[in-house]
Amino acid sequence: MAQTKAIGIDLGTTYSCVAVWQNDRVEIIANDQGNRTTPSYVAFNDSERLIGDAAKNQVAMNPYNTVFDAKRLIGRKFADSEVQADMKHWPYKIIDKAGKPVIQVEYRGEEKTFTPEEISSMVLIKMKEVAEAYLGGNVTKAVVTVPAYFNDSQRQATKDAGTIAGLDVLRIINEPTAAAIAYGLDKKSEGEKNVLIFDLGGGTFD
């Protein structure tokens, strides 16, 4: 039986992306809309849960139940000054549950709460499904990137999100490190060089 491939997931603040090492190169996998990036959005309504493009496309009609920027909450405390500042800009409701920020929405006519890890896991499930559709089989192993400044709590929470999504997270890699590795894979030049790598994302810059 062929060994299942591990995938690489960029779990971004605004958009996420999934890739696989295949045919001696990194292949970025397009989603069912043909896009190589998927909005890190999860929406809830009276009948269903939407993830990605479908969630972002209805945000204007359903702002209070459309969750985005969960990465800004993951692994943080409710009292964190950044959480308190960010909350002022989000239409959805954040409540304090045992000192942690929890998202409150209305789903199928009922009030529901989700942790940032649970919301992030839904985005990870979407990326897992995108990869599985492309590869034609189950995917259980992944490497996930995080901002370089993420502390241990934020890294562990990201790993927990992967576990909830049914993924064995082999490694958590810093985003600029991943960018440097990707740059190096395409370069066949010899000798030592100094290369400045920066990762400018939708919510973080390392």
C-alpha atoms as a PDB file:
ATOM      1  CA  MET A   1       0.000   0.000   0.000  1.00  0.00           C
ATOM      2  CA  ALA A   2       1.336   3.425  -0.973  1.00  0.00           C
ATOM      3  CA  GLN A   3       2.299   5.708   1.876  1.00  0.00           C
ATOM      4  CA  THR A   4      -0.116   8.615   2.254  1.00  0.00           C
ATOM      5  CA  LYS A   5       1.380  12.005   1.545  1.00  0.00           C
ATOM      6  CA  ALA A   6       1.697  14.704   4.175  1.00  0.00           C
ATOM      7  CA  ILE A   7       0.334  18.083   3.156  1.00  0.00           C
ATOM      8  CA  GLY A   8       1.517  21.576   4.013  1.00  0.00           C
ATOM      9  CA  ILE A   9      -1.092  24.065   5.204  1.00  0.00           C
ATOM     10  CA  ASP A  10      -0.663  27.825   5.478  1.00  0.00           C
ATOM     11  CA  LEU A  11      -3.412  28.610   7.995  1.00  0.00           C
ATOM     12  CA  GLY A  12      -3.665  32.323   7.356  1.00  0.00           C
ATOM     13  CA  THR A  13      -5.478  35.141   9.137  1.00  0.00           C
ATOM     14  CA  THR A  14      -7.456  36.071   6.020  1.00  0.00           C
ATOM     15  CA  TYR A  15      -6.699  33.265   3.533  1.00  0.00           C
ATOM     16  CA  SER A  16      -5.392  29.710   3.781  1.00  0.00           C
ATOM     17  CA  CYS A  17      -3.507  27.587   1.286  1.00  0.00           C
ATOM     18  CA  VAL A  18      -2.618  23.902   0.948  1.00  0.00           C
ATOM     19  CA  ALA A  19       0.208  22.208  -0.950  1.00  0.00           C
ATOM     20  CA  VAL A  20       1.818  18.815  -1.439  1.00  0.00           C
ATOM     21  CA  TRP A  21       5.313  17.691  -2.459  1.00  0.00           C
ATOM     22  CA  GLN A  22       4.780  15.758  -5.673  1.00  0.00           C
ATOM     23  CA  ASN A  23       6.723  15.219  -8.910  1.00  0.00           C
ATOM     24  CA  ASP A  24       9.859  16.708  -7.321  1.00  0.00           C
ATOM     25  CA  ARG A  25       8.196  20.037  -6.603  1.00  0.00           C
ATOM     26  CA  VAL A  26       5.700  21.770  -4.361  1.00  0.00           C
ATOM     27  CA  GLU A  27       2.236  21.733  -5.923  1.00  0.00           C
ATOM     28  CA  ILE A  28      -0.204  24.349  -4.644  1.00  0.00           C
ATOM     29  CA  ILE A  29      -3.674  22.804  -4.698  1.00  0.00           C
ATOM     30  CA  ALA A  30      -6.653  24.780  -6.015  1.00  0.00           C
ATOM     31  CA  ASN A  31     -10.001  24.523  -4.217  1.00  0.00           C
ATOM     32  CA  ASP A  32     -13.368  23.640  -5.765  1.00  0.00           C
ATOM     33  CA  GLN A  33     -13.688  27.235  -7.000  1.00  0.00           C
ATOM     34  CA  GLY A  34     -10.372  26.952  -8.838  1.00  0.00           C
ATOM     35  CA  ASN A  35      -8.642  29.281  -6.359  1.00  0.00           C
ATOM     36  CA  ARG A  36      -5.236  28.538  -4.866  1.00  0.00           C
ATOM     37  CA  THR A  37      -6.197  30.331  -1.658  1.00  0.00           C
ATOM     38  CA  THR A  38      -9.327  29.823   0.440  1.00  0.00           C
ATOM     39  CA  PRO A  39     -10.805  32.521   2.718  1.00  0.00           C
ATOM     40  CA  SER A  40     -10.330  31.663   6.414  1.00  0.00           C
ATOM     41  CA  TYR A  41     -14.033  32.293   6.997  1.00  0.00           C
ATOM     42  CA  VAL A  42     -16.676  30.153   8.699  1.00  0.00           C
ATOM     43  CA  ALA A  43     -20.362  31.119   8.588  1.00  0.00           C
ATOM     44  CA  PHE A  44     -23.424  29.761  10.337  1.00  0.00           C
ATOM     45  CA  ASN A  45     -27.057  30.196   9.302  1.00  0.00           C
ATOM     46  CA  ASP A  46     -30.464  28.626   9.889  1.00  0.00           C
ATOM     47  CA  SER A  47     -29.693  25.533   7.832  1.00  0.00           C
ATOM     48  CA  GLU A  48     -25.961  24.982   7.378  1.00  0.00           C
ATOM     49  CA  ARG A  49     -22.331  25.786   8.122  1.00  0.00           C
ATOM     50  CA  LEU A  50     -20.291  27.354   5.328  1.00  0.00           C
ATOM     51  CA  ILE A  51     -16.501  27.435   5.056  1.00  0.00           C
ATOM     52  CA  GLY A  52     -14.198  29.355   2.733  1.00  0.00           C
ATOM     53  CA  ASP A  53     -15.487  31.157  -0.363  1.00  0.00           C
ATOM     54  CA  ALA A  54     -19.124  30.293   0.386  1.00  0.00           C
ATOM     55  CA  ALA A  55     -18.802  31.821   3.864  1.00  0.00           C
ATOM     56  CA  LYS A  56     -17.069  34.998   2.687  1.00  0.00           C
ATOM     57  CA  ASN A  57     -19.535  35.526  -0.158  1.00  0.00           C
ATOM     58  CA  GLN A  58     -22.475  35.884   2.249  1.00  0.00           C
ATOM     59  CA  VAL A  59     -20.784  37.985   4.958  1.00  0.00           C
ATOM     60  CA  ALA A  60     -22.687  41.171   4.042  1.00  0.00           C
ATOM     61  CA  MET A  61     -26.021  39.402   4.559  1.00  0.00           C
ATOM     62  CA  ASN A  62     -24.968  37.521   7.701  1.00  0.00           C
ATOM     63  CA  PRO A  63     -22.277  39.570   9.491  1.00  0.00           C
ATOM     64  CA  TYR A  64     -23.040  38.515  13.076  1.00  0.00           C
ATOM     65  CA  ASN A  65     -22.680  34.810  12.311  1.00  0.00           C
ATOM     66  CA  THR A  66     -19.694  34.927   9.950  1.00  0.00           C
ATOM     67  CA  VAL A  67     -16.400  34.353  11.739  1.00  0.00           C
ATOM     68  CA  PHE A  68     -13.023  35.485  10.374  1.00  0.00           C
ATOM     69  CA  ASP A  69      -9.650  36.452  11.903  1.00  0.00           C
ATOM     70  CA  ALA A  70      -9.860  33.512  14.360  1.00  0.00           C
ATOM     71  CA  LYS A  71      -6.067  33.394  14.142  1.00  0.00           C
ATOM     72  CA  ARG A  72      -5.986  36.686  16.066  1.00  0.00           C
ATOM     73  CA  LEU A  73      -7.729  34.930  18.967  1.00  0.00           C
ATOM     74  CA  ILE A  74      -6.116  31.501  18.997  1.00  0.00           C
ATOM     75  CA  GLY A  75      -4.065  30.730  22.104  1.00  0.00           C
ATOM     76  CA  ARG A  76      -4.801  34.119  23.679  1.00  0.00           C
ATOM     77  CA  LYS A  77      -6.590  35.172  26.871  1.00  0.00           C
ATOM     78  CA  PHE A  78      -9.846  37.147  26.771  1.00  0.00           C
ATOM     79  CA  ALA A  79      -8.187  39.952  28.782  1.00  0.00           C
ATOM     80  CA  ASP A  80      -5.308  40.243  26.268  1.00  0.00           C
ATOM     81  CA  SER A  81      -5.103  43.890  25.155  1.00  0.00           C
ATOM     82  CA  GLU A  82      -4.901  42.858  21.486  1.00  0.00           C
ATOM     83  CA  VAL A  83      -8.025  40.706  21.807  1.00  0.00           C
ATOM     84  CA  GLN A  84      -9.870  43.600  23.451  1.00  0.00           C
ATOM     85  CA  ALA A  85      -8.769  45.985  20.681  1.00  0.00           C
ATOM     86  CA  ASP A  86      -9.638  43.557  17.856  1.00  0.00           C
ATOM     87  CA  MET A  87     -13.078  42.814  19.304  1.00  0.00           C
ATOM     88  CA  LYS A  88     -14.150  46.395  18.594  1.00  0.00           C
ATOM     89  CA  HIS A  89     -13.770  45.777  14.851  1.00  0.00           C
ATOM     90  CA  TRP A  90     -15.597  42.458  14.536  1.00  0.00           C
ATOM     91  CA  PRO A  91     -19.353  42.191  13.964  1.00  0.00           C
ATOM     92  CA  TYR A  92     -19.565  38.783  15.646  1.00  0.00           C
ATOM     93  CA  LYS A  93     -19.745  38.380  19.415  1.00  0.00           C
ATOM     94  CA  ILE A  94     -16.848  37.299  21.639  1.00  0.00           C
ATOM     95  CA  ILE A  95     -17.546  36.193  25.211  1.00  0.00           C
ATOM     96  CA  ASP A  96     -15.301  35.328  28.148  1.00  0.00           C
ATOM     97  CA  LYS A  97     -15.337  31.630  29.025  1.00  0.00           C
ATOM     98  CA  ALA A  98     -12.935  30.667  31.827  1.00  0.00           C
ATOM     99  CA  GLY A  99     -10.630  33.507  30.797  1.00  0.00           C
ATOM    100  CA  LYS A 100     -10.550  32.529  27.134  1.00  0.00           C
ATOM    101  CA  PRO A 101     -12.212  34.263  24.165  1.00  0.00           C
ATOM    102  CA  VAL A 102     -15.083  32.227  22.738  1.00  0.00           C
ATOM    103  CA  ILE A 103     -17.144  33.092  19.645  1.00  0.00           C
ATOM    104  CA  GLN A 104     -20.924  33.195  20.017  1.00  0.00           C
ATOM    105  CA  VAL A 105     -23.177  32.752  16.974  1.00  0.00           C
ATOM    106  CA  GLU A 106     -26.681  31.676  16.080  1.00  0.00           C
ATOM    107  CA  TYR A 107     -26.712  28.343  14.244  1.00  0.00           C
ATOM    108  CA  ARG A 108     -29.873  26.533  13.147  1.00  0.00           C
ATOM    109  CA  GLY A 109     -31.950  28.778  15.383  1.00  0.00           C
ATOM    110  CA  GLU A 110     -29.863  28.136  18.495  1.00  0.00           C
ATOM    111  CA  GLU A 111     -27.146  30.079  20.296  1.00  0.00           C
ATOM    112  CA  LYS A 112     -23.830  28.251  19.928  1.00  0.00           C
ATOM    113  CA  THR A 113     -20.300  28.929  21.131  1.00  0.00           C
ATOM    114  CA  PHE A 114     -17.060  27.904  19.450  1.00  0.00           C
ATOM    115  CA  THR A 115     -13.451  28.270  20.555  1.00  0.00           C
ATOM    116  CA  PRO A 116     -10.918  29.828  18.148  1.00  0.00           C
ATOM    117  CA  GLU A 117      -9.375  26.338  17.878  1.00  0.00           C
ATOM    118  CA  GLU A 118     -12.711  24.900  16.746  1.00  0.00           C
ATOM    119  CA  ILE A 119     -13.203  27.634  14.129  1.00  0.00           C
ATOM    120  CA  SER A 120      -9.625  27.145  12.890  1.00  0.00           C
ATOM    121  CA  SER A 121     -10.188  23.378  12.759  1.00  0.00           C
ATOM    122  CA  MET A 122     -13.124  23.960  10.398  1.00  0.00           C
ATOM    123  CA  VAL A 123     -10.827  25.877   8.027  1.00  0.00           C
ATOM    124  CA  LEU A 124      -8.244  23.089   8.344  1.00  0.00           C
ATOM    125  CA  ILE A 125     -10.914  20.485   7.526  1.00  0.00           C
ATOM    126  CA  LYS A 126     -11.729  22.479   4.378  1.00  0.00           C
ATOM    127  CA  MET A 127      -8.053  22.527   3.357  1.00  0.00           C
ATOM    128  CA  LYS A 128      -7.780  18.796   4.117  1.00  0.00           C
ATOM    129  CA  GLU A 129     -10.794  18.143   1.858  1.00  0.00           C
ATOM    130  CA  VAL A 130      -9.272  20.279  -0.922  1.00  0.00           C
ATOM    131  CA  ALA A 131      -6.106  18.152  -0.758  1.00  0.00           C
ATOM    132  CA  GLU A 132      -8.038  14.871  -0.612  1.00  0.00           C
ATOM    133  CA  ALA A 133     -10.071  15.775  -3.707  1.00  0.00           C
ATOM    134  CA  TYR A 134      -6.833  16.504  -5.583  1.00  0.00           C
ATOM    135  CA  LEU A 135      -4.876  13.487  -4.344  1.00  0.00           C
ATOM    136  CA  GLY A 136      -7.795  11.061  -4.532  1.00  0.00           C
ATOM    137  CA  GLY A 137      -7.407   9.603  -1.049  1.00  0.00           C
ATOM    138  CA  ASN A 138      -7.417  10.244   2.678  1.00  0.00           C
ATOM    139  CA  VAL A 139      -4.958  12.729   4.133  1.00  0.00           C
ATOM    140  CA  THR A 140      -4.059  12.444   7.819  1.00  0.00           C
ATOM    141  CA  LYS A 141      -0.654  14.107   8.166  1.00  0.00           C
ATOM    142  CA  ALA A 142       0.153  17.786   7.840  1.00  0.00           C
ATOM    143  CA  VAL A 143       2.729  20.468   8.503  1.00  0.00           C
ATOM    144  CA  VAL A 144       1.116  23.766   9.533  1.00  0.00           C
ATOM    145  CA  THR A 145       2.695  27.221   9.499  1.00  0.00           C
ATOM    146  CA  VAL A 146       2.388  29.929  12.169  1.00  0.00           C
ATOM    147  CA  PRO A 147       3.763  33.470  12.541  1.00  0.00           C
ATOM    148  CA  ALA A 148       7.320  33.577  13.911  1.00  0.00           C
ATOM    149  CA  TYR A 149       6.154  35.606  16.929  1.00  0.00           C
ATOM    150  CA  PHE A 150       3.545  33.013  18.037  1.00  0.00           C
ATOM    151  CA  ASN A 151       4.227  31.921  21.618  1.00  0.00           C
ATOM    152  CA  ASP A 152       3.982  28.355  22.948  1.00  0.00           C
ATOM    153  CA  SER A 153       0.297  28.759  23.821  1.00  0.00           C
ATOM    154  CA  GLN A 154      -0.576  29.956  20.300  1.00  0.00           C
ATOM    155  CA  ARG A 155       1.480  27.170  18.711  1.00  0.00           C
ATOM    156  CA  GLN A 156      -0.126  24.494  20.881  1.00  0.00           C
ATOM    157  CA  ALA A 157      -3.602  25.892  20.169  1.00  0.00           C
ATOM    158  CA  THR A 158      -2.868  25.713  16.423  1.00  0.00           C
ATOM    159  CA  LYS A 159      -1.735  22.113  16.848  1.00  0.00           C
ATOM    160  CA  ASP A 160      -4.933  21.398  18.814  1.00  0.00           C
ATOM    161  CA  ALA A 161      -6.972  22.817  15.917  1.00  0.00           C
ATOM    162  CA  GLY A 162      -5.232  20.314  13.642  1.00  0.00           C
ATOM    163  CA  THR A 163      -6.076  17.459  16.005  1.00  0.00           C
ATOM    164  CA  ILE A 164      -9.745  18.513  16.086  1.00  0.00           C
ATOM    165  CA  ALA A 165      -9.649  18.500  12.269  1.00  0.00           C
ATOM    166  CA  GLY A 166      -8.446  14.890  12.299  1.00  0.00           C
ATOM    167  CA  LEU A 167      -4.892  15.732  11.321  1.00  0.00           C
ATOM    168  CA  ASP A 168      -1.653  14.472  12.783  1.00  0.00           C
ATOM    169  CA  VAL A 169       0.331  17.724  12.837  1.00  0.00           C
ATOM    170  CA  LEU A 170       3.888  16.549  12.219  1.00  0.00           C
ATOM    171  CA  ARG A 171       5.404  19.960  12.699  1.00  0.00           C
ATOM    172  CA  ILE A 172       4.564  23.600  13.323  1.00  0.00           C
ATOM    173  CA  ILE A 173       6.830  25.771  11.147  1.00  0.00           C
ATOM    174  CA  ASN A 174       7.395  29.525  11.251  1.00  0.00           C
ATOM    175  CA  GLU A 175       5.909  31.222   8.185  1.00  0.00           C
ATOM    176  CA  PRO A 176       9.122  33.028   7.131  1.00  0.00           C
ATOM    177  CA  THR A 177      11.024  29.737   7.574  1.00  0.00           C
ATOM    178  CA  ALA A 178       8.541  28.039   5.235  1.00  0.00           C
ATOM    179  CA  ALA A 179       9.003  30.888   2.746  1.00  0.00           C
ATOM    180  CA  ALA A 180      12.792  30.462   2.929  1.00  0.00           C
ATOM    181  CA  ILE A 181      12.522  26.693   2.376  1.00  0.00           C
ATOM    182  CA  ALA A 182      10.215  27.259  -0.616  1.00  0.00           C
ATOM    183  CA  TYR A 183      12.660  29.811  -2.049  1.00  0.00           C
ATOM    184  CA  GLY A 184      15.584  27.409  -1.611  1.00  0.00           C
ATOM    185  CA  LEU A 185      13.796  24.508  -3.298  1.00  0.00           C
ATOM    186  CA  ASP A 186      13.675  26.431  -6.575  1.00  0.00           C
ATOM    187  CA  LYS A 187      17.282  27.580  -6.486  1.00  0.00           C
ATOM    188  CA  LYS A 188      20.072  25.423  -7.859  1.00  0.00           C
ATOM    189  CA  SER A 189      22.865  27.981  -7.366  1.00  0.00           C
ATOM    190  CA  GLU A 190      26.064  26.926  -5.636  1.00  0.00           C
ATOM    191  CA  GLY A 191      27.899  28.701  -2.868  1.00  0.00           C
ATOM    192  CA  GLU A 192      26.716  30.514   0.211  1.00  0.00           C
ATOM    193  CA  LYS A 193      24.414  33.518  -0.028  1.00  0.00           C
ATOM    194  CA  ASN A 194      22.592  35.810   2.346  1.00  0.00           C
ATOM    195  CA  VAL A 195      18.937  36.111   1.417  1.00  0.00           C
ATOM    196  CA  LEU A 196      16.440  38.340   3.219  1.00  0.00           C
ATOM    197  CA  ILE A 197      13.090  36.580   3.590  1.00  0.00           C
ATOM    198  CA  PHE A 198       9.922  38.297   4.756  1.00  0.00           C
ATOM    199  CA  ASP A 199       6.382  36.995   4.939  1.00  0.00           C
ATOM    200  CA  LEU A 200       3.743  39.685   4.478  1.00  0.00           C
ATOM    201  CA  GLY A 201       0.353  38.186   5.250  1.00  0.00           C
ATOM    202  CA  GLY A 202      -3.177  39.421   5.765  1.00  0.00           C
ATOM    203  CA  GLY A 203      -2.734  39.708   9.515  1.00  0.00           C
ATOM    204  CA  THR A 204       0.941  39.206  10.346  1.00  0.00           C
ATOM    205  CA  PHE A 205       4.333  40.295   9.020  1.00  0.00           C
ATOM    206  CA  ASP A 206       7.546  38.415   9.926  1.00  0.00           C
END
